[in-house]
Amino acid sequence: MQVRDFKTVAELREAFPSAFLTNGTVDLSRKRGIRTLPRDMTVERHLILVNIFLALKDEDFSG
């Protein structure tokens, strides 16, 4: 999977439709290919980010 910067929740829904549960919870656990999440991650119920694998570059850690 290509690493992406997600600007909207709609983009996340398109890339990871199974993460959007019918009860309004968004479970991004163990998803790969996410470099950044949208600034506004407001969801109806719960946002779960357990073991999310964010793709970081070396320059992300440089001062």
N, C-alpha and C. Protein backbone atom coordinates (compact mmCIF):
# COMPACT_ATOMS: atom_id res chain seq x y z
N MET A 1 0.84 -1.19 0.00
CA MET A 1 0.00 0.00 0.00
C MET A 1 0.88 1.24 0.00
N GLN A 2 0.47 2.21 -0.76
CA GLN A 2 1.17 3.48 -0.83
C GLN A 2 0.95 4.27 0.45
N VAL A 3 2.01 4.94 0.93
CA VAL A 3 1.90 5.79 2.12
C VAL A 3 1.22 7.09 1.72
N ARG A 4 0.23 7.51 2.51
CA ARG A 4 -0.54 8.70 2.17
C ARG A 4 -0.68 9.65 3.35
N ASP A 5 -0.85 10.92 3.00
CA ASP A 5 -1.23 11.95 3.95
C ASP A 5 -2.73 12.17 3.76
N PHE A 6 -3.50 11.90 4.79
CA PHE A 6 -4.95 12.03 4.70
C PHE A 6 -5.38 13.39 5.23
N LYS A 7 -6.10 14.14 4.41
CA LYS A 7 -6.55 15.48 4.80
C LYS A 7 -7.98 15.47 5.34
N THR A 8 -8.77 14.46 4.98
CA THR A 8 -10.16 14.40 5.43
C THR A 8 -10.51 12.99 5.89
N VAL A 9 -11.54 12.92 6.71
CA VAL A 9 -12.05 11.62 7.15
C VAL A 9 -12.62 10.87 5.95
N ALA A 10 -13.18 11.59 4.99
CA ALA A 10 -13.72 10.95 3.78
C ALA A 10 -12.63 10.20 3.02
N GLU A 11 -11.43 10.76 2.96
CA GLU A 11 -10.31 10.07 2.30
C GLU A 11 -9.96 8.80 3.05
N LEU A 12 -9.98 8.86 4.38
CA LEU A 12 -9.72 7.66 5.18
C LEU A 12 -10.79 6.61 4.94
N ARG A 13 -12.04 7.03 4.87
CA ARG A 13 -13.15 6.09 4.64
C ARG A 13 -12.99 5.39 3.29
N GLU A 14 -12.54 6.13 2.30
CA GLU A 14 -12.34 5.54 0.97
C GLU A 14 -11.20 4.52 0.99
N ALA A 15 -10.12 4.84 1.70
CA ALA A 15 -8.95 3.95 1.75
C ALA A 15 -9.15 2.75 2.67
N PHE A 16 -9.89 2.94 3.77
CA PHE A 16 -10.08 1.89 4.77
C PHE A 16 -11.56 1.75 5.13
N PRO A 17 -12.39 1.33 4.20
CA PRO A 17 -13.84 1.27 4.48
C PRO A 17 -14.19 0.35 5.64
N SER A 18 -13.43 -0.71 5.84
CA SER A 18 -13.75 -1.65 6.93
C SER A 18 -13.47 -1.06 8.31
N ALA A 19 -12.73 0.05 8.37
CA ALA A 19 -12.42 0.68 9.65
C ALA A 19 -13.61 1.48 10.20
N PHE A 20 -14.59 1.77 9.34
CA PHE A 20 -15.74 2.58 9.74
C PHE A 20 -16.90 1.65 10.08
N LEU A 21 -17.09 1.43 11.37
CA LEU A 21 -18.08 0.48 11.85
C LEU A 21 -19.48 1.08 11.84
N THR A 22 -20.48 0.24 11.80
CA THR A 22 -21.87 0.71 11.70
C THR A 22 -22.33 1.48 12.93
N ASN A 23 -21.67 1.31 14.08
CA ASN A 23 -22.08 2.02 15.29
C ASN A 23 -21.44 3.40 15.41
N GLY A 24 -20.69 3.85 14.37
CA GLY A 24 -20.07 5.17 14.41
C GLY A 24 -18.64 5.17 14.89
N THR A 25 -18.13 4.03 15.31
CA THR A 25 -16.75 3.91 15.75
C THR A 25 -15.84 3.81 14.52
N VAL A 26 -14.67 4.43 14.61
CA VAL A 26 -13.65 4.29 13.57
C VAL A 26 -12.47 3.57 14.21
N ASP A 27 -12.15 2.40 13.69
CA ASP A 27 -11.07 1.57 14.25
C ASP A 27 -9.95 1.47 13.23
N LEU A 28 -8.90 2.27 13.43
CA LEU A 28 -7.75 2.26 12.54
C LEU A 28 -6.63 1.36 13.08
N SER A 29 -6.96 0.50 14.01
CA SER A 29 -5.97 -0.41 14.58
C SER A 29 -5.31 -1.24 13.49
N ARG A 30 -3.99 -1.32 13.57
CA ARG A 30 -3.18 -2.16 12.69
C ARG A 30 -3.27 -1.79 11.22
N LYS A 31 -3.67 -0.57 10.93
CA LYS A 31 -3.71 -0.12 9.53
C LYS A 31 -2.33 0.40 9.14
N ARG A 32 -1.94 0.18 7.92
CA ARG A 32 -0.65 0.64 7.41
C ARG A 32 -0.87 1.62 6.26
N GLY A 33 0.16 2.42 5.98
CA GLY A 33 0.10 3.34 4.85
C GLY A 33 -0.40 4.72 5.20
N ILE A 34 -0.45 5.04 6.49
CA ILE A 34 -0.91 6.36 6.93
C ILE A 34 0.31 7.15 7.40
N ARG A 35 0.60 8.28 6.74
CA ARG A 35 1.67 9.15 7.21
C ARG A 35 1.10 10.19 8.17
N THR A 36 -0.01 10.83 7.77
CA THR A 36 -0.65 11.80 8.65
C THR A 36 -2.16 11.59 8.62
N LEU A 37 -2.77 11.89 9.75
CA LEU A 37 -4.23 11.83 9.89
C LEU A 37 -4.80 13.23 9.73
N PRO A 38 -6.06 13.35 9.37
CA PRO A 38 -6.68 14.67 9.26
C PRO A 38 -6.64 15.42 10.59
N ARG A 39 -6.59 16.73 10.52
CA ARG A 39 -6.61 17.53 11.76
C ARG A 39 -7.90 17.32 12.53
N ASP A 40 -9.00 17.23 11.83
CA ASP A 40 -10.30 17.02 12.47
C ASP A 40 -10.68 15.55 12.34
N MET A 41 -10.51 14.82 13.41
CA MET A 41 -10.85 13.39 13.43
C MET A 41 -12.10 13.17 14.27
N THR A 42 -13.05 14.10 14.18
CA THR A 42 -14.31 13.96 14.91
C THR A 42 -15.10 12.81 14.31
N VAL A 43 -15.50 11.88 15.18
CA VAL A 43 -16.32 10.74 14.74
C VAL A 43 -17.53 10.63 15.66
N GLU A 44 -18.52 9.87 15.24
CA GLU A 44 -19.76 9.76 16.02
C GLU A 44 -19.56 9.09 17.37
N ARG A 45 -18.75 8.05 17.43
CA ARG A 45 -18.60 7.29 18.68
C ARG A 45 -17.16 7.33 19.17
N HIS A 46 -16.39 6.32 18.84
CA HIS A 46 -15.03 6.19 19.35
C HIS A 46 -14.03 6.16 18.20
N LEU A 47 -12.84 6.70 18.46
CA LEU A 47 -11.73 6.63 17.52
C LEU A 47 -10.69 5.73 18.15
N ILE A 48 -10.38 4.62 17.51
CA ILE A 48 -9.45 3.64 18.06
C ILE A 48 -8.18 3.64 17.21
N LEU A 49 -7.03 3.86 17.86
CA LEU A 49 -5.75 3.94 17.15
C LEU A 49 -4.73 2.96 17.74
N VAL A 50 -5.16 1.81 18.19
CA VAL A 50 -4.26 0.83 18.79
C VAL A 50 -3.40 0.20 17.71
N ASN A 51 -2.09 0.20 17.93
CA ASN A 51 -1.13 -0.40 16.99
C ASN A 51 -1.25 0.14 15.58
N ILE A 52 -1.49 1.43 15.46
CA ILE A 52 -1.52 2.04 14.13
C ILE A 52 -0.07 2.24 13.69
N PHE A 53 0.22 1.90 12.46
CA PHE A 53 1.58 1.99 11.93
C PHE A 53 1.68 3.24 11.07
N LEU A 54 2.14 4.33 11.66
CA LEU A 54 2.32 5.56 10.91
C LEU A 54 3.64 5.49 10.17
N ALA A 55 3.65 5.85 8.93
CA ALA A 55 4.86 5.83 8.12
C ALA A 55 5.59 7.14 8.33
N LEU A 56 6.69 7.09 9.04
CA LEU A 56 7.46 8.29 9.34
C LEU A 56 8.78 8.26 8.59
N LYS A 57 9.25 9.44 8.22
CA LYS A 57 10.53 9.56 7.54
C LYS A 57 11.55 10.06 8.56
N ASP A 58 12.83 9.87 8.25
CA ASP A 58 13.90 10.31 9.14
C ASP A 58 13.79 11.80 9.45
N GLU A 59 13.44 12.61 8.46
CA GLU A 59 13.37 14.05 8.69
C GLU A 59 12.25 14.44 9.65
N ASP A 60 11.29 13.53 9.88
CA ASP A 60 10.24 13.80 10.85
C ASP A 60 10.80 13.91 12.26
N PHE A 61 11.99 13.36 12.48
CA PHE A 61 12.59 13.36 13.81
C PHE A 61 13.75 14.33 13.93
N SER A 62 14.10 15.02 12.85
CA SER A 62 15.23 15.94 12.91
C SER A 62 14.76 17.29 13.43
N GLY A 63 15.63 17.96 14.15
CA GLY A 63 15.27 19.23 14.75
C GLY A 63 15.47 20.33 13.82
